[in-house]
Protein backbone atom coordinates (compact mmCIF):
# COMPACT_ATOMS: atom_id res chain seq x y z
CA MET A 1 2.44 15.54 -7.15
CA VAL A 2 1.54 12.09 -6.00
CA TYR A 3 3.73 9.99 -3.79
CA SER A 4 3.50 6.63 -1.98
CA TYR A 5 3.70 7.01 1.71
CA GLN A 6 2.91 3.60 2.89
CA VAL A 7 3.53 0.29 1.05
CA ILE A 8 2.27 -3.10 2.29
CA LYS A 9 2.61 -6.56 0.82
CA PHE A 10 -0.64 -8.36 1.30
CA GLN A 11 -2.59 -11.56 0.68
CA THR A 12 -6.10 -10.33 0.98
CA ILE A 13 -7.68 -6.88 1.04
CA THR A 14 -11.25 -6.10 2.15
CA PHE A 15 -13.14 -2.91 1.55
CA VAL A 16 -15.27 -2.60 4.64
CA GLN A 17 -19.07 -3.04 3.89
CA GLY A 18 -20.72 0.33 4.01
CA THR A 19 -17.82 2.52 3.11
CA HIS A 20 -17.57 4.42 -0.18
CA TRP A 21 -14.94 3.95 -2.83
CA SER A 22 -14.72 4.60 -6.56
CA GLN A 23 -12.72 2.13 -8.61
CA SER A 24 -10.72 2.70 -11.75
CA ILE A 25 -7.91 1.02 -13.71
CA GLY A 26 -4.74 2.95 -13.87
CA GLU A 27 -1.43 2.10 -15.69
CA LYS A 28 0.10 0.44 -12.71
CA GLY A 29 -2.92 -1.35 -11.27
CA ILE A 30 -6.37 -0.85 -9.68
CA LEU A 31 -7.02 2.53 -8.06
CA TYR A 32 -9.56 3.06 -5.45
CA LYS A 33 -10.56 6.42 -4.28
CA SER A 34 -12.08 7.28 -0.85
CA LEU A 35 -15.31 9.20 -1.37
CA LYS A 36 -16.74 9.56 2.11
CA ASP A 37 -16.02 12.29 4.63
CA PRO A 38 -14.29 11.90 6.99
CA PHE A 39 -12.76 8.46 5.75
CA SER A 40 -13.46 5.15 4.15
CA LYS A 41 -12.08 1.92 5.69
CA LEU A 42 -10.26 -1.06 4.34
CA ILE A 43 -8.69 -4.18 5.99
CA VAL A 44 -5.42 -5.42 4.79
CA GLN A 45 -4.29 -8.95 5.62
CA SER A 46 -0.57 -9.19 5.16
CA THR A 47 1.43 -12.24 4.16
CA ASN A 48 2.07 -13.19 7.83
CA ASN A 49 -1.82 -13.36 8.35
CA SER A 50 -1.98 -10.21 10.45
CA LYS A 51 -4.90 -7.96 9.81
CA LYS A 52 -4.90 -4.19 10.07
CA LEU A 53 -7.78 -1.74 9.59
CA PHE A 54 -6.88 1.43 7.76
CA HIS A 55 -8.93 4.72 7.77
CA VAL A 56 -8.46 6.39 4.45
CA PRO A 57 -9.25 10.16 4.39
CA LYS A 58 -11.61 11.45 1.74
CA ASP A 59 -10.00 11.90 -1.72
CA ARG A 60 -7.08 9.71 -0.82
CA THR A 61 -6.26 7.04 -3.44
CA VAL A 62 -5.22 3.43 -2.83
CA LEU A 63 -3.19 1.68 -5.53
CA ILE A 64 -3.30 -2.09 -5.54
CA GLU A 65 -0.49 -3.60 -7.73
CA HIS A 66 1.04 -7.10 -7.72
CA GLY A 67 0.21 -7.84 -4.07
CA ILE A 68 1.26 -4.51 -2.80
CA VAL A 69 -0.96 -1.70 -1.53
CA HIS A 70 0.27 1.82 -2.06
CA PHE A 71 -1.60 4.58 -0.06
CA LEU A 72 -1.25 7.69 -2.25
CA GLY A 73 -1.73 11.29 -1.31
CA GLU A 74 -0.97 14.78 -2.64
CA LEU A 75 1.82 16.80 -1.15
CA SER A 76 0.51 19.92 0.69
């Protein structure tokens, strides 16, 4: 089962150079999957111009849909 554990409205999103992602198109939007152990990084700039760096664990998926970032993971 997949769930959304963090949702962030954003203006821009940057996948940090040198990190590893796969990209695919899903029903709801663009899916990025972190491929690197221990994690890949992305920077999210929110609508109030604050930037935050996220470390996304390997095999975790990020869904980007209509200006919202969903960090997805599998229930353990």
